[in-house]
Amino acid sequence: MAIIGTFTKDGENFVGSIVTLALKAKATIQSVVKATDSAPDYRVFSGGVEIGAAWSRKSQQGERPYLSVKLDDPSFGGAIFCRLVYGAEGGHQLMWSR
Protein backbone atom coordinates (compact mmCIF):
# COMPACT_ATOMS: atom_id res chain seq x y z
CA MET A 1 0.00 0.00 0.00
CA ALA A 2 1.22 3.48 -0.85
CA ILE A 3 0.67 6.44 1.47
CA ILE A 4 -0.84 9.23 -0.63
CA GLY A 5 -2.02 11.51 2.17
CA THR A 6 -1.57 12.54 5.77
CA PHE A 7 -4.30 13.95 7.98
CA THR A 8 -4.91 15.07 11.55
CA LYS A 9 -8.21 14.84 13.37
CA ASP A 10 -9.93 18.19 13.99
CA GLY A 11 -13.10 17.53 16.00
CA GLU A 12 -15.30 15.33 13.80
CA ASN A 13 -13.29 16.21 10.66
CA PHE A 14 -9.83 15.45 9.25
CA VAL A 15 -7.48 18.06 7.76
CA GLY A 16 -4.41 17.32 5.67
CA SER A 17 -3.09 16.83 2.17
CA ILE A 18 -3.23 14.35 -0.71
CA VAL A 19 -0.27 13.92 -3.06
CA THR A 20 -0.21 11.71 -6.18
CA LEU A 21 1.58 12.08 -9.50
CA ALA A 22 -1.43 14.00 -10.85
CA LEU A 23 -2.74 15.73 -7.72
CA LYS A 24 -1.18 17.79 -4.94
CA ALA A 25 -3.84 19.33 -2.74
CA LYS A 26 -4.76 20.35 0.76
CA ALA A 27 -7.91 18.47 1.67
CA THR A 28 -10.58 18.19 4.34
CA ILE A 29 -12.65 15.14 5.14
CA GLN A 30 -15.83 16.57 6.62
CA SER A 31 -18.44 14.70 8.62
CA VAL A 32 -21.94 14.90 7.13
CA VAL A 33 -25.44 13.92 8.22
CA LYS A 34 -26.38 10.68 6.45
CA ALA A 35 -29.56 10.82 4.36
CA THR A 36 -29.74 7.01 4.04
CA ASP A 37 -27.89 4.02 5.51
CA SER A 38 -25.74 3.67 2.36
CA ALA A 39 -24.88 7.38 2.13
CA PRO A 40 -21.31 8.40 3.02
CA ASP A 41 -20.40 9.47 6.56
CA TYR A 42 -17.92 12.05 5.21
CA ARG A 43 -17.31 14.16 2.11
CA VAL A 44 -13.79 14.95 0.85
CA PHE A 45 -13.12 18.54 -0.26
CA SER A 46 -10.16 20.34 -1.79
CA GLY A 47 -10.34 24.08 -2.45
CA GLY A 48 -14.11 24.05 -1.94
CA VAL A 49 -14.59 21.30 -4.56
CA GLU A 50 -15.87 17.87 -3.58
CA ILE A 51 -13.40 15.21 -4.72
CA GLY A 52 -14.67 12.18 -2.86
CA ALA A 53 -16.61 10.50 -0.09
CA ALA A 54 -15.82 8.25 2.87
CA TRP A 55 -17.62 5.61 4.93
CA SER A 56 -16.84 4.60 8.53
CA ARG A 57 -15.71 0.96 8.80
CA LYS A 58 -14.04 -1.38 11.30
CA SER A 59 -11.31 -3.96 10.67
CA GLN A 60 -12.36 -7.58 10.21
CA GLN A 61 -11.53 -8.20 13.86
CA GLY A 62 -13.76 -5.23 14.69
CA GLU A 63 -11.05 -3.56 16.72
CA ARG A 64 -9.66 -0.78 14.52
CA PRO A 65 -11.91 1.85 12.97
CA TYR A 66 -10.92 3.36 9.61
CA LEU A 67 -12.50 5.30 6.76
CA SER A 68 -13.08 3.69 3.38
CA VAL A 69 -12.44 6.57 0.95
CA LYS A 70 -13.38 6.95 -2.71
CA LEU A 71 -11.58 9.77 -4.56
CA ASP A 72 -12.25 10.94 -8.09
CA ASP A 73 -10.70 13.72 -10.13
CA PRO A 74 -10.74 14.41 -13.90
CA SER A 75 -6.97 13.82 -13.96
CA PHE A 76 -7.45 10.22 -12.71
CA GLY A 77 -8.16 7.37 -15.11
CA GLY A 78 -11.02 6.42 -12.80
CA ALA A 79 -12.01 6.58 -9.18
CA ILE A 80 -9.47 5.35 -6.65
CA PHE A 81 -10.24 3.62 -3.38
CA CYS A 82 -8.23 4.23 -0.21
CA ARG A 83 -8.28 3.73 3.53
CA LEU A 84 -7.69 6.43 6.10
CA VAL A 85 -6.08 4.67 9.06
CA TYR A 86 -4.61 5.81 12.35
CA GLY A 87 -0.83 5.95 11.94
CA ALA A 88 1.90 4.93 14.35
CA GLU A 89 2.98 8.55 14.94
CA GLY A 90 -0.46 9.76 16.00
CA GLY A 91 -1.67 11.13 12.66
CA HIS A 92 -3.83 9.46 10.05
CA GLN A 93 -2.51 8.08 6.77
CA LEU A 94 -4.42 7.78 3.51
CA MET A 95 -3.32 4.48 1.99
CA TRP A 96 -3.98 3.37 -1.57
CA SER A 97 -3.45 0.04 -3.30
CA ARG A 98 -4.54 -1.46 -6.60
PDB file of N, CA and C in Angstrom:
ATOM      1  N   MET A   1       0.831  -1.187   0.000  1.00  0.00           N
ATOM      2  CA  MET A   1       0.000   0.000   0.000  1.00  0.00           C
ATOM      3  C   MET A   1       0.873   1.246   0.000  1.00  0.00           C
ATOM      4  N   ALA A   2       0.493   2.219  -0.770  1.00  0.00           N
ATOM      5  CA  ALA A   2       1.219   3.479  -0.850  1.00  0.00           C
ATOM      6  C   ALA A   2       0.497   4.544  -0.033  1.00  0.00           C
ATOM      7  N   ILE A   3       1.248   5.333   0.709  1.00  0.00           N
ATOM      8  CA  ILE A   3       0.672   6.436   1.469  1.00  0.00           C
ATOM      9  C   ILE A   3       0.586   7.638   0.529  1.00  0.00           C
ATOM     10  N   ILE A   4      -0.648   8.089   0.269  1.00  0.00           N
ATOM     11  CA  ILE A   4      -0.835   9.231  -0.631  1.00  0.00           C
ATOM     12  C   ILE A   4      -1.366  10.458   0.103  1.00  0.00           C
ATOM     13  N   GLY A   5      -1.527  10.356   1.424  1.00  0.00           N
ATOM     14  CA  GLY A   5      -2.018  11.505   2.170  1.00  0.00           C
ATOM     15  C   GLY A   5      -1.762  11.369   3.653  1.00  0.00           C
ATOM     16  N   THR A   6      -1.692  12.511   4.315  1.00  0.00           N
ATOM     17  CA  THR A   6      -1.566  12.543   5.766  1.00  0.00           C
ATOM     18  C   THR A   6      -2.594  13.528   6.304  1.00  0.00           C
ATOM     19  N   PHE A   7      -3.226  13.146   7.416  1.00  0.00           N
ATOM     20  CA  PHE A   7      -4.302  13.950   7.984  1.00  0.00           C
ATOM     21  C   PHE A   7      -4.192  13.966   9.504  1.00  0.00           C
ATOM     22  N   THR A   8      -4.748  15.010  10.102  1.00  0.00           N
ATOM     23  CA  THR A   8      -4.905  15.075  11.550  1.00  0.00           C
ATOM     24  C   THR A   8      -6.385  15.255  11.841  1.00  0.00           C
ATOM     25  N   LYS A   9      -6.809  14.735  12.969  1.00  0.00           N
ATOM     26  CA  LYS A   9      -8.213  14.843  13.365  1.00  0.00           C
ATOM     27  C   LYS A   9      -8.452  16.227  13.947  1.00  0.00           C
ATOM     28  N   ASP A  10      -9.533  16.860  13.520  1.00  0.00           N
ATOM     29  CA  ASP A  10      -9.925  18.188  13.989  1.00  0.00           C
ATOM     30  C   ASP A  10     -11.402  18.117  14.355  1.00  0.00           C
ATOM     31  N   GLY A  11     -11.707  17.756  15.601  1.00  0.00           N
ATOM     32  CA  GLY A  11     -13.099  17.535  15.998  1.00  0.00           C
ATOM     33  C   GLY A  11     -13.631  16.295  15.313  1.00  0.00           C
ATOM     34  N   GLU A  12     -14.715  16.449  14.553  1.00  0.00           N
ATOM     35  CA  GLU A  12     -15.296  15.333  13.797  1.00  0.00           C
ATOM     36  C   GLU A  12     -14.682  15.205  12.400  1.00  0.00           C
ATOM     37  N   ASN A  13     -13.849  16.157  12.012  1.00  0.00           N
ATOM     38  CA  ASN A  13     -13.289  16.209  10.657  1.00  0.00           C
ATOM     39  C   ASN A  13     -11.812  15.841  10.650  1.00  0.00           C
ATOM     40  N   PHE A  14     -11.253  15.714   9.440  1.00  0.00           N
ATOM     41  CA  PHE A  14      -9.832  15.454   9.248  1.00  0.00           C
ATOM     42  C   PHE A  14      -9.295  16.508   8.291  1.00  0.00           C
ATOM     43  N   VAL A  15      -8.103  17.029   8.592  1.00  0.00           N
ATOM     44  CA  VAL A  15      -7.483  18.064   7.764  1.00  0.00           C
ATOM     45  C   VAL A  15      -6.091  17.587   7.378  1.00  0.00           C
ATOM     46  N   GLY A  16      -5.730  17.749   6.092  1.00  0.00           N
ATOM     47  CA  GLY A  16      -4.405  17.321   5.667  1.00  0.00           C
ATOM     48  C   GLY A  16      -4.172  17.575   4.200  1.00  0.00           C
ATOM     49  N   SER A  17      -3.417  16.656   3.582  1.00  0.00           N
ATOM     50  CA  SER A  17      -3.088  16.828   2.166  1.00  0.00           C
ATOM     51  C   SER A  17      -3.056  15.471   1.473  1.00  0.00           C
ATOM     52  N   ILE A  18      -3.289  15.523   0.161  1.00  0.00           N
ATOM     53  CA  ILE A  18      -3.232  14.350  -0.707  1.00  0.00           C
ATOM     54  C   ILE A  18      -2.220  14.651  -1.801  1.00  0.00           C
ATOM     55  N   VAL A  19      -1.295  13.728  -2.025  1.00  0.00           N
ATOM     56  CA  VAL A  19      -0.272  13.921  -3.057  1.00  0.00           C
ATOM     57  C   VAL A  19      -0.173  12.654  -3.898  1.00  0.00           C
ATOM     58  N   THR A  20      -0.429  12.788  -5.203  1.00  0.00           N
ATOM     59  CA  THR A  20      -0.215  11.713  -6.176  1.00  0.00           C
ATOM     60  C   THR A  20       0.599  12.314  -7.314  1.00  0.00           C
ATOM     61  N   LEU A  21       0.863  11.530  -8.341  1.00  0.00           N
ATOM     62  CA  LEU A  21       1.578  12.077  -9.500  1.00  0.00           C
ATOM     63  C   LEU A  21       0.766  13.162 -10.195  1.00  0.00           C
ATOM     64  N   ALA A  22      -0.574  13.049 -10.145  1.00  0.00           N
ATOM     65  CA  ALA A  22      -1.428  13.995 -10.851  1.00  0.00           C
ATOM     66  C   ALA A  22      -2.068  15.046  -9.942  1.00  0.00           C
ATOM     67  N   LEU A  23      -2.010  14.859  -8.637  1.00  0.00           N
ATOM     68  CA  LEU A  23      -2.737  15.727  -7.723  1.00  0.00           C
ATOM     69  C   LEU A  23      -1.874  16.067  -6.512  1.00  0.00           C
ATOM     70  N   LYS A  24      -1.839  17.335  -6.172  1.00  0.00           N
ATOM     71  CA  LYS A  24      -1.176  17.790  -4.944  1.00  0.00           C
ATOM     72  C   LYS A  24      -2.103  18.834  -4.340  1.00  0.00           C
ATOM     73  N   ALA A  25      -2.804  18.437  -3.253  1.00  0.00           N
ATOM     74  CA  ALA A  25      -3.840  19.325  -2.744  1.00  0.00           C
ATOM     75  C   ALA A  25      -3.997  19.220  -1.242  1.00  0.00           C
ATOM     76  N   LYS A  26      -4.316  20.357  -0.629  1.00  0.00           N
ATOM     77  CA  LYS A  26      -4.759  20.354   0.755  1.00  0.00           C
ATOM     78  C   LYS A  26      -6.204  19.864   0.713  1.00  0.00           C
ATOM     79  N   ALA A  27      -6.576  19.056   1.695  1.00  0.00           N
ATOM     80  CA  ALA A  27      -7.907  18.474   1.667  1.00  0.00           C
ATOM     81  C   ALA A  27      -8.510  18.415   3.060  1.00  0.00           C
ATOM     82  N   THR A  28      -9.843  18.371   3.087  1.00  0.00           N
ATOM     83  CA  THR A  28     -10.581  18.188   4.336  1.00  0.00           C
ATOM     84  C   THR A  28     -11.559  17.047   4.138  1.00  0.00           C
ATOM     85  N   ILE A  29     -11.652  16.209   5.135  1.00  0.00           N
ATOM     86  CA  ILE A  29     -12.650  15.140   5.139  1.00  0.00           C
ATOM     87  C   ILE A  29     -13.658  15.544   6.198  1.00  0.00           C
ATOM     88  N   GLN A  30     -14.850  15.971   5.741  1.00  0.00           N
ATOM     89  CA  GLN A  30     -15.830  16.573   6.623  1.00  0.00           C
ATOM     90  C   GLN A  30     -16.977  15.627   6.910  1.00  0.00           C
ATOM     91  N   SER A  31     -17.314  15.511   8.191  1.00  0.00           N
ATOM     92  CA  SER A  31     -18.438  14.697   8.622  1.00  0.00           C
ATOM     93  C   SER A  31     -19.738  15.299   8.089  1.00  0.00           C
ATOM     94  N   VAL A  32     -20.652  14.443   7.636  1.00  0.00           N
ATOM     95  CA  VAL A  32     -21.944  14.898   7.125  1.00  0.00           C
ATOM     96  C   VAL A  32     -23.062  14.097   7.779  1.00  0.00           C
ATOM     97  N   VAL A  33     -24.263  14.632   7.736  1.00  0.00           N
ATOM     98  CA  VAL A  33     -25.437  13.924   8.222  1.00  0.00           C
ATOM     99  C   VAL A  33     -25.881  12.970   7.115  1.00  0.00           C
ATOM    100  N   LYS A  34     -26.012  11.685   7.449  1.00  0.00           N
ATOM    101  CA  LYS A  34     -26.382  10.681   6.453  1.00  0.00           C
ATOM    102  C   LYS A  34     -27.872  10.785   6.106  1.00  0.00           C
ATOM    103  N   ALA A  35     -28.176  10.785   4.814  1.00  0.00           N
ATOM    104  CA  ALA A  35     -29.564  10.820   4.364  1.00  0.00           C
ATOM    105  C   ALA A  35     -30.162   9.405   4.353  1.00  0.00           C
ATOM    106  N   THR A  36     -29.317   8.410   4.052  1.00  0.00           N
ATOM    107  CA  THR A  36     -29.741   7.008   4.037  1.00  0.00           C
ATOM    108  C   THR A  36     -28.627   6.172   4.644  1.00  0.00           C
ATOM    109  N   ASP A  37     -28.902   4.896   4.912  1.00  0.00           N
ATOM    110  CA  ASP A  37     -27.886   4.022   5.506  1.00  0.00           C
ATOM    111  C   ASP A  37     -26.663   3.855   4.605  1.00  0.00           C
ATOM    112  N   SER A  38     -26.862   3.879   3.285  1.00  0.00           N
ATOM    113  CA  SER A  38     -25.744   3.666   2.365  1.00  0.00           C
ATOM    114  C   SER A  38     -25.001   4.960   2.004  1.00  0.00           C
ATOM    115  N   ALA A  39     -25.516   6.090   2.435  1.00  0.00           N
ATOM    116  CA  ALA A  39     -24.879   7.379   2.134  1.00  0.00           C
ATOM    117  C   ALA A  39     -23.547   7.480   2.881  1.00  0.00           C
ATOM    118  N   PRO A  40     -22.606   8.254   2.349  1.00  0.00           N
ATOM    119  CA  PRO A  40     -21.306   8.400   3.020  1.00  0.00           C
ATOM    120  C   PRO A  40     -21.429   9.113   4.361  1.00  0.00           C
ATOM    121  N   ASP A  41     -20.485   8.809   5.256  1.00  0.00           N
ATOM    122  CA  ASP A  41     -20.397   9.474   6.557  1.00  0.00           C
ATOM    123  C   ASP A  41     -19.617  10.777   6.454  1.00  0.00           C
ATOM    124  N   TYR A  42     -18.783  10.885   5.411  1.00  0.00           N
ATOM    125  CA  TYR A  42     -17.917  12.049   5.209  1.00  0.00           C
ATOM    126  C   TYR A  42     -17.886  12.420   3.731  1.00  0.00           C
ATOM    127  N   ARG A  43     -17.580  13.677   3.466  1.00  0.00           N
ATOM    128  CA  ARG A  43     -17.310  14.165   2.105  1.00  0.00           C
ATOM    129  C   ARG A  43     -15.879  14.702   2.100  1.00  0.00           C
ATOM    130  N   VAL A  44     -15.174  14.502   0.980  1.00  0.00           N
ATOM    131  CA  VAL A  44     -13.785  14.953   0.851  1.00  0.00           C
ATOM    132  C   VAL A  44     -13.771  16.197  -0.038  1.00  0.00           C
ATOM    133  N   PHE A  45     -13.171  17.270   0.468  1.00  0.00           N
ATOM    134  CA  PHE A  45     -13.118  18.536  -0.257  1.00  0.00           C
ATOM    135  C   PHE A  45     -11.685  19.010  -0.425  1.00  0.00           C
ATOM    136  N   SER A  46     -11.430  19.662  -1.542  1.00  0.00           N
ATOM    137  CA  SER A  46     -10.163  20.339  -1.789  1.00  0.00           C
ATOM    138  C   SER A  46     -10.477  21.660  -2.471  1.00  0.00           C
ATOM    139  N   GLY A  47     -10.072  22.759  -1.865  1.00  0.00           N
ATOM    140  CA  GLY A  47     -10.337  24.076  -2.453  1.00  0.00           C
ATOM    141  C   GLY A  47     -11.813  24.348  -2.667  1.00  0.00           C
ATOM    142  N   GLY A  48     -12.670  23.828  -1.804  1.00  0.00           N
ATOM    143  CA  GLY A  48     -14.106  24.054  -1.942  1.00  0.00           C
ATOM    144  C   GLY A  48     -14.790  23.125  -2.922  1.00  0.00           C
ATOM    145  N   VAL A  49     -14.034  22.231  -3.577  1.00  0.00           N
ATOM    146  CA  VAL A  49     -14.592  21.301  -4.561  1.00  0.00           C
ATOM    147  C   VAL A  49     -14.633  19.906  -3.952  1.00  0.00           C
ATOM    148  N   GLU A  50     -15.767  19.237  -4.090  1.00  0.00           N
ATOM    149  CA  GLU A  50     -15.875  17.868  -3.576  1.00  0.00           C
ATOM    150  C   GLU A  50     -15.120  16.917  -4.506  1.00  0.00           C
ATOM    151  N   ILE A  51     -14.181  16.151  -3.918  1.00  0.00           N
ATOM    152  CA  ILE A  51     -13.397  15.209  -4.721  1.00  0.00           C
ATOM    153  C   ILE A  51     -13.566  13.771  -4.258  1.00  0.00           C
ATOM    154  N   GLY A  52     -14.478  13.550  -3.309  1.00  0.00           N
ATOM    155  CA  GLY A  52     -14.673  12.180  -2.858  1.00  0.00           C
ATOM    156  C   GLY A  52     -15.625  12.060  -1.695  1.00  0.00           C
ATOM    157  N   ALA A  53     -15.742  10.818  -1.206  1.00  0.00           N
ATOM    158  CA  ALA A  53     -16.613  10.500  -0.086  1.00  0.00           C
ATOM    159  C   ALA A  53     -15.953   9.404   0.746  1.00  0.00           C
ATOM    160  N   ALA A  54     -16.408   9.259   1.997  1.00  0.00           N
ATOM    161  CA  ALA A  54     -15.823   8.248   2.871  1.00  0.00           C
ATOM    162  C   ALA A  54     -16.900   7.636   3.774  1.00  0.00           C
ATOM    163  N   TRP A  55     -16.700   6.355   4.085  1.00  0.00           N
ATOM    164  CA  TRP A  55     -17.616   5.606   4.926  1.00  0.00           C
ATOM    165  C   TRP A  55     -16.856   5.061   6.127  1.00  0.00           C
ATOM    166  N   SER A  56     -17.448   5.147   7.313  1.00  0.00           N
ATOM    167  CA  SER A  56     -16.842   4.597   8.532  1.00  0.00           C
ATOM    168  C   SER A  56     -16.914   3.072   8.488  1.00  0.00           C
ATOM    169  N   ARG A  57     -15.801   2.431   8.795  1.00  0.00           N
ATOM    170  CA  ARG A  57     -15.709   0.965   8.797  1.00  0.00           C
ATOM    171  C   ARG A  57     -14.896   0.529  10.000  1.00  0.00           C
ATOM    172  N   LYS A  58     -14.899  -0.783  10.264  1.00  0.00           N
ATOM    173  CA  LYS A  58     -14.036  -1.381  11.296  1.00  0.00           C
ATOM    174  C   LYS A  58     -13.302  -2.547  10.663  1.00  0.00           C
ATOM    175  N   SER A  59     -12.106  -2.839  11.179  1.00  0.00           N
ATOM    176  CA  SER A  59     -11.313  -3.959  10.669  1.00  0.00           C
ATOM    177  C   SER A  59     -12.097  -5.256  10.840  1.00  0.00           C
ATOM    178  N   GLN A  60     -11.659  -6.307  10.146  1.00  0.00           N
ATOM    179  CA  GLN A  60     -12.359  -7.585  10.211  1.00  0.00           C
ATOM    180  C   GLN A  60     -12.470  -8.099  11.636  1.00  0.00           C
ATOM    181  N   GLN A  61     -11.478  -7.805  12.466  1.00  0.00           N
ATOM    182  CA  GLN A  61     -11.526  -8.204  13.864  1.00  0.00           C
ATOM    183  C   GLN A  61     -12.435  -7.266  14.665  1.00  0.00           C
ATOM    184  N   GLY A  62     -12.874  -6.176  14.044  1.00  0.00           N
ATOM    185  CA  GLY A  62     -13.763  -5.232  14.690  1.00  0.00           C
ATOM    186  C   GLY A  62     -13.102  -4.338  15.710  1.00  0.00           C
ATOM    187  N   GLU A  63     -11.778  -4.315  15.713  1.00  0.00           N
ATOM    188  CA  GLU A  63     -11.046  -3.555  16.724  1.00  0.00           C
ATOM    189  C   GLU A  63     -10.631  -2.168  16.257  1.00  0.00           C
ATOM    190  N   ARG A  64     -10.247  -2.047  14.995  1.00  0.00           N
ATOM    191  CA  ARG A  64      -9.661  -0.784  14.523  1.00  0.00           C
ATOM    192  C   ARG A  64     -10.583  -0.080  13.538  1.00  0.00           C
ATOM    193  N   PRO A  65     -11.080   1.099  13.919  1.00  0.00           N
ATOM    194  CA  PRO A  65     -11.908   1.851  12.973  1.00  0.00           C
ATOM    195  C   PRO A  65     -11.035   2.491  11.893  1.00  0.00           C
ATOM    196  N   TYR A  66     -11.591   2.664  10.706  1.00  0.00           N
ATOM    197  CA  TYR A  66     -10.921   3.359   9.607  1.00  0.00           C
ATOM    198  C   TYR A  66     -11.987   3.950   8.703  1.00  0.00           C
ATOM    199  N   LEU A  67     -11.581   4.773   7.756  1.00  0.00           N
ATOM    200  CA  LEU A  67     -12.500   5.301   6.759  1.00  0.00           C
ATOM    201  C   LEU A  67     -12.185   4.672   5.414  1.00  0.00           C
ATOM    202  N   SER A  68     -13.199   4.173   4.754  1.00  0.00           N
ATOM    203  CA  SER A  68     -13.076   3.686   3.382  1.00  0.00           C
ATOM    204  C   SER A  68     -13.363   4.893   2.489  1.00  0.00           C
ATOM    205  N   VAL A  69     -12.366   5.312   1.709  1.00  0.00           N
ATOM    206  CA  VAL A  69     -12.440   6.571   0.955  1.00  0.00           C
ATOM    207  C   VAL A  69     -12.452   6.298  -0.546  1.00  0.00           C
ATOM    208  N   LYS A  70     -13.345   6.992  -1.249  1.00  0.00           N
ATOM    209  CA  LYS A  70     -13.376   6.948  -2.713  1.00  0.00           C
ATOM    210  C   LYS A  70     -13.065   8.352  -3.206  1.00  0.00           C
ATOM    211  N   LEU A  71     -11.980   8.482  -3.986  1.00  0.00           N
ATOM    212  CA  LEU A  71     -11.582   9.768  -4.561  1.00  0.00           C
ATOM    213  C   LEU A  71     -11.758   9.729  -6.061  1.00  0.00           C
ATOM    214  N   ASP A  72     -12.160  10.853  -6.634  1.00  0.00           N
ATOM    215  CA  ASP A  72     -12.255  10.940  -8.086  1.00  0.00           C
ATOM    216  C   ASP A  72     -11.879  12.351  -8.508  1.00  0.00           C
ATOM    217  N   ASP A  73     -11.171  12.446  -9.600  1.00  0.00           N
ATOM    218  CA  ASP A  73     -10.700  13.716 -10.134  1.00  0.00           C
ATOM    219  C   ASP A  73     -10.579  13.537 -11.647  1.00  0.00           C
ATOM    220  N   PRO A  74     -10.860  14.561 -12.442  1.00  0.00           N
ATOM    221  CA  PRO A  74     -10.741  14.413 -13.898  1.00  0.00           C
ATOM    222  C   PRO A  74      -9.353  13.968 -14.363  1.00  0.00           C
ATOM    223  N   SER A  75      -8.320  14.232 -13.558  1.00  0.00           N
ATOM    224  CA  SER A  75      -6.970  13.823 -13.957  1.00  0.00           C
ATOM    225  C   SER A  75      -6.723  12.330 -13.710  1.00  0.00           C
ATOM    226  N   PHE A  76      -7.598  11.653 -12.953  1.00  0.00           N
ATOM    227  CA  PHE A  76      -7.451  10.218 -12.710  1.00  0.00           C
ATOM    228  C   PHE A  76      -8.066   9.445 -13.865  1.00  0.00           C
ATOM    229  N   GLY A  77      -7.570   8.241 -14.109  1.00  0.00           N
ATOM    230  CA  GLY A  77      -8.161   7.366 -15.115  1.00  0.00           C
ATOM    231  C   GLY A  77      -9.518   6.849 -14.682  1.00  0.00           C
ATOM    232  N   GLY A  78      -9.766   6.858 -13.409  1.00  0.00           N
ATOM    233  CA  GLY A  78     -11.022   6.419 -12.804  1.00  0.00           C
ATOM    234  C   GLY A  78     -10.941   6.675 -11.317  1.00  0.00           C
ATOM    235  N   ALA A  79     -11.998   6.372 -10.630  1.00  0.00           N
ATOM    236  CA  ALA A  79     -12.014   6.576  -9.182  1.00  0.00           C
ATOM    237  C   ALA A  79     -10.963   5.684  -8.520  1.00  0.00           C
ATOM    238  N   ILE A  80     -10.400   6.162  -7.420  1.00  0.00           N
ATOM    239  CA  ILE A  80      -9.467   5.347  -6.654  1.00  0.00           C
ATOM    240  C   ILE A  80     -10.042   5.137  -5.246  1.00  0.00           C
ATOM    241  N   PHE A  81      -9.729   3.993  -4.688  1.00  0.00           N
ATOM    242  CA  PHE A  81     -10.245   3.620  -3.380  1.00  0.00           C
ATOM    243  C   PHE A  81      -9.093   3.536  -2.397  1.00  0.00           C
ATOM    244  N   CYS A  82      -9.277   4.121  -1.217  1.00  0.00           N
ATOM    245  CA  CYS A  82      -8.226   4.232  -0.209  1.00  0.00           C
ATOM    246  C   CYS A  82      -8.804   3.914   1.164  1.00  0.00           C
ATOM    247  N   ARG A  83      -7.889   3.852   2.129  1.00  0.00           N
ATOM    248  CA  ARG A  83      -8.278   3.730   3.530  1.00  0.00           C
ATOM    249  C   ARG A  83      -7.552   4.798   4.328  1.00  0.00           C
ATOM    250  N   LEU A  84      -8.300   5.489   5.179  1.00  0.00           N
ATOM    251  CA  LEU A  84      -7.695   6.434   6.104  1.00  0.00           C
ATOM    252  C   LEU A  84      -7.573   5.712   7.437  1.00  0.00           C
ATOM    253  N   VAL A  85      -6.335   5.455   7.843  1.00  0.00           N
ATOM    254  CA  VAL A  85      -6.080   4.672   9.056  1.00  0.00           C
ATOM    255  C   VAL A  85      -5.258   5.497  10.035  1.00  0.00           C
ATOM    256  N   TYR A  86      -5.393   5.158  11.308  1.00  0.00           N
ATOM    257  CA  TYR A  86      -4.611   5.811  12.346  1.00  0.00           C
ATOM    258  C   TYR A  86      -3.175   5.342  12.217  1.00  0.00           C
ATOM    259  N   GLY A  87      -2.235   6.283  12.129  1.00  0.00           N
ATOM    260  CA  GLY A  87      -0.828   5.952  11.945  1.00  0.00           C
ATOM    261  C   GLY A  87      -0.094   5.777  13.257  1.00  0.00           C
ATOM    262  N   ALA A  88       1.079   5.205  13.170  1.00  0.00           N
ATOM    263  CA  ALA A  88       1.902   4.934  14.350  1.00  0.00           C
ATOM    264  C   ALA A  88       2.338   6.209  15.059  1.00  0.00           C
ATOM    265  N   GLU A  89       2.499   7.300  14.343  1.00  0.00           N
ATOM    266  CA  GLU A  89       2.980   8.546  14.941  1.00  0.00           C
ATOM    267  C   GLU A  89       1.855   9.457  15.414  1.00  0.00           C
ATOM    268  N   GLY A  90       0.641   8.961  15.476  1.00  0.00           N
ATOM    269  CA  GLY A  90      -0.461   9.761  16.000  1.00  0.00           C
ATOM    270  C   GLY A  90      -1.323  10.434  14.962  1.00  0.00           C
ATOM    271  N   GLY A  91      -0.862  10.554  13.726  1.00  0.00           N
ATOM    272  CA  GLY A  91      -1.670  11.133  12.664  1.00  0.00           C
ATOM    273  C   GLY A  91      -2.446  10.043  11.938  1.00  0.00           C
ATOM    274  N   HIS A  92      -3.095  10.404  10.882  1.00  0.00           N
ATOM    275  CA  HIS A  92      -3.828   9.462  10.053  1.00  0.00           C
ATOM    276  C   HIS A  92      -3.195   9.435   8.665  1.00  0.00           C
ATOM    277  N   GLN A  93      -3.111   8.256   8.086  1.00  0.00           N
ATOM    278  CA  GLN A  93      -2.510   8.083   6.769  1.00  0.00           C
ATOM    279  C   GLN A  93      -3.553   7.600   5.783  1.00  0.00           C
ATOM    280  N   LEU A  94      -3.544   8.209   4.599  1.00  0.00           N
ATOM    281  CA  LEU A  94      -4.424   7.780   3.513  1.00  0.00           C
ATOM    282  C   LEU A  94      -3.638   6.806   2.668  1.00  0.00           C
ATOM    283  N   MET A  95      -4.063   5.540   2.667  1.00  0.00           N
ATOM    284  CA  MET A  95      -3.318   4.480   1.991  1.00  0.00           C
ATOM    285  C   MET A  95      -4.104   3.975   0.785  1.00  0.00           C
ATOM    286  N   TRP A  96      -3.383   3.812  -0.320  1.00  0.00           N
ATOM    287  CA  TRP A  96      -3.979   3.375  -1.566  1.00  0.00           C
ATOM    288  C   TRP A  96      -3.275   2.127  -2.076  1.00  0.00           C
ATOM    289  N   SER A  97      -4.043   1.207  -2.634  1.00  0.00           N
ATOM    290  CA  SER A  97      -3.449   0.035  -3.297  1.00  0.00           C
ATOM    291  C   SER A  97      -4.348  -0.356  -4.466  1.00  0.00           C
ATOM    292  N   ARG A  98      -3.753  -1.001  -5.446  1.00  0.00           N
ATOM    293  CA  ARG A  98      -4.538  -1.457  -6.604  1.00  0.00           C
ATOM    294  C   ARG A  98      -5.340  -2.669  -6.238  1.00  0.00           C
TER     295      ARG A  98
END
